[in-house]
Amino acid sequence: GGSEEYGAYAICLSGGYKDDEDEGDWFWYTGMGGNTGGKQTFDQIMDRGNLALKTNYEKGMPVRVCRGKKIDDKITYVYEGLYRITDLKS
């Protein structure tokens, strides 16, 4: 959740986008949108959650990160902590 005015509260990494990268101590988060039925079907636009993350980046505010981990064939989300956004592409 979040807003353009106040920034993003949290994001969840779950491997839902083919461009996502997760190296443990850093990750490339694709953002939200453009995904229909688990497939990238159109370009993302800078609105809603993506604008909230842009606010975090511009104001230097960290964002809470949860990671989806597969445990016994179920995805469990684990809180990983606060992360700083160091790059933004649009």
N, C-alpha and C. Protein backbone atom coordinates (compact mmCIF):
# COMPACT_ATOMS: atom_id res chain seq x y z
N GLY A 1 0.81 -1.18 0.00
CA GLY A 1 0.00 0.00 0.00
C GLY A 1 0.86 1.24 0.00
N GLY A 2 0.19 2.34 -0.21
CA GLY A 2 0.85 3.63 -0.19
C GLY A 2 0.20 4.58 -1.16
N SER A 3 0.82 5.73 -1.35
CA SER A 3 0.29 6.73 -2.27
C SER A 3 1.44 7.56 -2.83
N GLU A 4 1.12 8.29 -3.89
CA GLU A 4 2.13 9.16 -4.48
C GLU A 4 2.59 10.21 -3.47
N GLU A 5 1.67 10.69 -2.64
CA GLU A 5 2.01 11.73 -1.67
C GLU A 5 2.89 11.22 -0.54
N TYR A 6 2.57 10.03 0.00
CA TYR A 6 3.25 9.52 1.19
C TYR A 6 4.26 8.41 0.93
N GLY A 7 4.29 7.88 -0.27
CA GLY A 7 5.22 6.81 -0.59
C GLY A 7 4.63 5.43 -0.35
N ALA A 8 5.44 4.42 -0.63
CA ALA A 8 5.02 3.02 -0.48
C ALA A 8 5.36 2.53 0.91
N TYR A 9 4.46 1.78 1.49
CA TYR A 9 4.67 1.19 2.80
C TYR A 9 5.49 -0.09 2.69
N ALA A 10 5.12 -0.95 1.73
CA ALA A 10 5.80 -2.25 1.61
C ALA A 10 5.63 -2.81 0.21
N ILE A 11 6.54 -3.72 -0.16
CA ILE A 11 6.41 -4.50 -1.38
C ILE A 11 6.65 -5.96 -1.02
N CYS A 12 6.12 -6.84 -1.86
CA CYS A 12 6.34 -8.28 -1.67
C CYS A 12 7.00 -8.83 -2.93
N LEU A 13 8.09 -9.52 -2.75
CA LEU A 13 8.80 -10.17 -3.85
C LEU A 13 8.29 -11.60 -3.94
N SER A 14 7.82 -11.97 -5.13
CA SER A 14 7.31 -13.33 -5.28
C SER A 14 7.70 -13.98 -6.59
N GLY A 15 8.54 -13.28 -7.39
CA GLY A 15 8.97 -13.86 -8.65
C GLY A 15 7.90 -13.82 -9.72
N GLY A 16 6.95 -12.89 -9.60
CA GLY A 16 5.84 -12.83 -10.54
C GLY A 16 6.16 -12.22 -11.89
N TYR A 17 7.32 -11.59 -12.03
CA TYR A 17 7.71 -10.96 -13.29
C TYR A 17 9.04 -11.53 -13.73
N LYS A 18 9.16 -11.78 -15.03
CA LYS A 18 10.39 -12.41 -15.52
C LYS A 18 11.62 -11.53 -15.38
N ASP A 19 11.43 -10.21 -15.28
CA ASP A 19 12.57 -9.29 -15.15
C ASP A 19 13.03 -9.10 -13.70
N ASP A 20 12.28 -9.63 -12.73
CA ASP A 20 12.69 -9.53 -11.33
C ASP A 20 14.00 -10.28 -11.10
N GLU A 21 14.87 -9.70 -10.31
CA GLU A 21 16.10 -10.36 -9.89
C GLU A 21 16.17 -10.26 -8.37
N ASP A 22 16.60 -11.33 -7.72
CA ASP A 22 16.72 -11.31 -6.26
C ASP A 22 18.01 -12.01 -5.86
N GLU A 23 18.95 -11.23 -5.37
CA GLU A 23 20.26 -11.75 -4.97
C GLU A 23 20.44 -11.77 -3.46
N GLY A 24 19.34 -11.67 -2.72
CA GLY A 24 19.43 -11.73 -1.27
C GLY A 24 19.58 -10.36 -0.63
N ASP A 25 20.76 -9.75 -0.78
CA ASP A 25 20.98 -8.44 -0.16
C ASP A 25 20.60 -7.29 -1.10
N TRP A 26 20.32 -7.61 -2.36
CA TRP A 26 19.80 -6.61 -3.30
C TRP A 26 18.85 -7.31 -4.25
N PHE A 27 17.98 -6.51 -4.84
CA PHE A 27 17.04 -7.07 -5.82
C PHE A 27 16.62 -5.99 -6.81
N TRP A 28 16.14 -6.44 -7.95
CA TRP A 28 15.56 -5.56 -8.94
C TRP A 28 14.07 -5.88 -8.95
N TYR A 29 13.27 -4.93 -8.50
CA TYR A 29 11.83 -5.09 -8.41
C TYR A 29 11.19 -4.44 -9.63
N THR A 30 10.45 -5.20 -10.39
CA THR A 30 9.90 -4.71 -11.64
C THR A 30 8.81 -3.66 -11.44
N GLY A 31 8.10 -3.71 -10.34
CA GLY A 31 7.01 -2.79 -10.11
C GLY A 31 5.68 -3.51 -10.25
N MET A 32 4.62 -2.75 -10.50
CA MET A 32 3.31 -3.37 -10.62
C MET A 32 2.67 -3.00 -11.94
N GLY A 33 1.83 -3.90 -12.43
CA GLY A 33 1.10 -3.65 -13.67
C GLY A 33 1.71 -4.36 -14.86
N GLY A 34 0.95 -4.43 -15.91
CA GLY A 34 1.42 -5.05 -17.15
C GLY A 34 1.38 -6.56 -17.15
N ASN A 35 0.88 -7.15 -16.07
CA ASN A 35 0.89 -8.60 -15.91
C ASN A 35 -0.55 -9.10 -15.89
N THR A 36 -0.88 -9.97 -16.83
CA THR A 36 -2.22 -10.56 -16.90
C THR A 36 -2.08 -12.08 -16.89
N GLY A 37 -2.67 -12.72 -15.90
CA GLY A 37 -2.61 -14.17 -15.84
C GLY A 37 -1.22 -14.73 -15.72
N GLY A 38 -0.34 -13.99 -15.03
CA GLY A 38 1.02 -14.47 -14.82
C GLY A 38 1.97 -14.21 -15.98
N LYS A 39 1.50 -13.52 -17.02
CA LYS A 39 2.35 -13.21 -18.17
C LYS A 39 2.39 -11.71 -18.40
N GLN A 40 3.56 -11.22 -18.79
CA GLN A 40 3.73 -9.80 -19.11
C GLN A 40 3.02 -9.54 -20.43
N THR A 41 1.95 -8.76 -20.41
CA THR A 41 1.15 -8.54 -21.62
C THR A 41 1.19 -7.10 -22.12
N PHE A 42 1.63 -6.15 -21.28
CA PHE A 42 1.74 -4.77 -21.74
C PHE A 42 2.73 -4.03 -20.84
N ASP A 43 3.21 -2.89 -21.32
CA ASP A 43 4.17 -2.09 -20.57
C ASP A 43 3.53 -1.50 -19.32
N GLN A 44 4.29 -1.43 -18.27
CA GLN A 44 3.82 -0.80 -17.04
C GLN A 44 3.79 0.72 -17.23
N ILE A 45 2.94 1.36 -16.44
CA ILE A 45 2.90 2.81 -16.47
C ILE A 45 3.21 3.34 -15.07
N MET A 46 3.63 4.60 -15.02
CA MET A 46 3.99 5.21 -13.74
C MET A 46 2.72 5.74 -13.08
N ASP A 47 2.01 4.84 -12.39
CA ASP A 47 0.83 5.24 -11.62
C ASP A 47 0.74 4.37 -10.37
N ARG A 48 -0.21 4.67 -9.49
CA ARG A 48 -0.51 3.93 -8.27
C ARG A 48 0.74 3.52 -7.49
N GLY A 49 0.96 2.23 -7.33
CA GLY A 49 2.08 1.74 -6.53
C GLY A 49 3.44 2.13 -7.08
N ASN A 50 3.54 2.22 -8.41
CA ASN A 50 4.80 2.63 -9.01
C ASN A 50 5.12 4.09 -8.66
N LEU A 51 4.10 4.95 -8.64
CA LEU A 51 4.31 6.34 -8.23
C LEU A 51 4.68 6.42 -6.75
N ALA A 52 4.07 5.56 -5.93
CA ALA A 52 4.40 5.55 -4.50
C ALA A 52 5.88 5.18 -4.31
N LEU A 53 6.37 4.20 -5.05
CA LEU A 53 7.78 3.82 -4.95
C LEU A 53 8.69 4.95 -5.45
N LYS A 54 8.24 5.67 -6.46
CA LYS A 54 9.02 6.81 -6.96
C LYS A 54 9.16 7.86 -5.85
N THR A 55 8.10 8.06 -5.07
CA THR A 55 8.16 9.00 -3.96
C THR A 55 9.20 8.56 -2.93
N ASN A 56 9.22 7.25 -2.59
CA ASN A 56 10.23 6.73 -1.68
C ASN A 56 11.63 7.03 -2.21
N TYR A 57 11.83 6.79 -3.49
CA TYR A 57 13.14 7.01 -4.12
C TYR A 57 13.53 8.50 -4.02
N GLU A 58 12.60 9.39 -4.41
CA GLU A 58 12.91 10.82 -4.44
C GLU A 58 13.14 11.40 -3.04
N LYS A 59 12.44 10.88 -2.03
CA LYS A 59 12.57 11.40 -0.67
C LYS A 59 13.56 10.62 0.19
N GLY A 60 14.16 9.58 -0.40
CA GLY A 60 15.14 8.78 0.34
C GLY A 60 14.52 7.95 1.46
N MET A 61 13.24 7.61 1.32
CA MET A 61 12.55 6.83 2.35
C MET A 61 12.68 5.34 2.05
N PRO A 62 13.01 4.53 3.05
CA PRO A 62 13.10 3.09 2.81
C PRO A 62 11.71 2.48 2.63
N VAL A 63 11.66 1.27 2.11
CA VAL A 63 10.41 0.54 1.94
C VAL A 63 10.56 -0.83 2.60
N ARG A 64 9.51 -1.29 3.24
CA ARG A 64 9.52 -2.62 3.87
C ARG A 64 9.43 -3.68 2.77
N VAL A 65 10.17 -4.76 2.95
CA VAL A 65 10.20 -5.82 1.94
C VAL A 65 9.84 -7.16 2.57
N CYS A 66 8.92 -7.85 1.91
CA CYS A 66 8.59 -9.24 2.26
C CYS A 66 8.98 -10.11 1.07
N ARG A 67 9.47 -11.29 1.35
CA ARG A 67 9.84 -12.22 0.28
C ARG A 67 8.95 -13.45 0.37
N GLY A 68 8.47 -13.88 -0.78
CA GLY A 68 7.72 -15.13 -0.86
C GLY A 68 8.71 -16.29 -0.91
N LYS A 69 8.59 -17.22 0.03
CA LYS A 69 9.47 -18.39 0.07
C LYS A 69 8.62 -19.64 0.00
N LYS A 70 9.04 -20.57 -0.84
CA LYS A 70 8.30 -21.82 -0.98
C LYS A 70 8.69 -22.77 0.14
N ILE A 71 7.71 -23.12 0.97
CA ILE A 71 7.93 -24.04 2.08
C ILE A 71 6.84 -25.10 2.02
N ASP A 72 7.25 -26.35 1.85
CA ASP A 72 6.28 -27.45 1.75
C ASP A 72 5.22 -27.19 0.69
N ASP A 73 5.64 -26.79 -0.49
CA ASP A 73 4.76 -26.52 -1.63
C ASP A 73 3.77 -25.38 -1.41
N LYS A 74 4.01 -24.54 -0.43
CA LYS A 74 3.18 -23.36 -0.20
C LYS A 74 4.09 -22.14 -0.16
N ILE A 75 3.57 -21.03 -0.65
CA ILE A 75 4.32 -19.78 -0.58
C ILE A 75 4.03 -19.13 0.77
N THR A 76 5.08 -18.86 1.51
CA THR A 76 4.98 -18.16 2.79
C THR A 76 5.74 -16.85 2.65
N TYR A 77 5.12 -15.75 3.08
CA TYR A 77 5.79 -14.46 2.99
C TYR A 77 6.49 -14.14 4.30
N VAL A 78 7.76 -13.75 4.17
CA VAL A 78 8.61 -13.47 5.33
C VAL A 78 9.07 -12.02 5.26
N TYR A 79 8.91 -11.29 6.37
CA TYR A 79 9.38 -9.91 6.42
C TYR A 79 10.90 -9.90 6.45
N GLU A 80 11.51 -9.12 5.55
CA GLU A 80 12.96 -9.08 5.42
C GLU A 80 13.58 -7.81 5.97
N GLY A 81 12.80 -6.75 6.15
CA GLY A 81 13.34 -5.52 6.70
C GLY A 81 13.13 -4.33 5.79
N LEU A 82 13.81 -3.24 6.12
CA LEU A 82 13.72 -2.00 5.36
C LEU A 82 14.83 -1.96 4.31
N TYR A 83 14.46 -1.56 3.09
CA TYR A 83 15.43 -1.46 1.99
C TYR A 83 15.35 -0.06 1.41
N ARG A 84 16.48 0.43 0.95
CA ARG A 84 16.59 1.73 0.30
C ARG A 84 16.51 1.52 -1.21
N ILE A 85 15.76 2.36 -1.89
CA ILE A 85 15.66 2.32 -3.35
C ILE A 85 16.81 3.13 -3.92
N THR A 86 17.67 2.48 -4.72
CA THR A 86 18.87 3.15 -5.22
C THR A 86 18.81 3.47 -6.70
N ASP A 87 17.80 2.98 -7.40
CA ASP A 87 17.68 3.24 -8.85
C ASP A 87 16.22 3.17 -9.22
N LEU A 88 15.85 3.92 -10.23
CA LEU A 88 14.47 3.94 -10.70
C LEU A 88 14.49 4.13 -12.21
N LYS A 89 13.77 3.28 -12.91
CA LYS A 89 13.66 3.42 -14.36
C LYS A 89 12.19 3.50 -14.72
N SER A 90 11.89 4.33 -15.69
CA SER A 90 10.49 4.44 -16.12
C SER A 90 10.40 4.39 -17.63
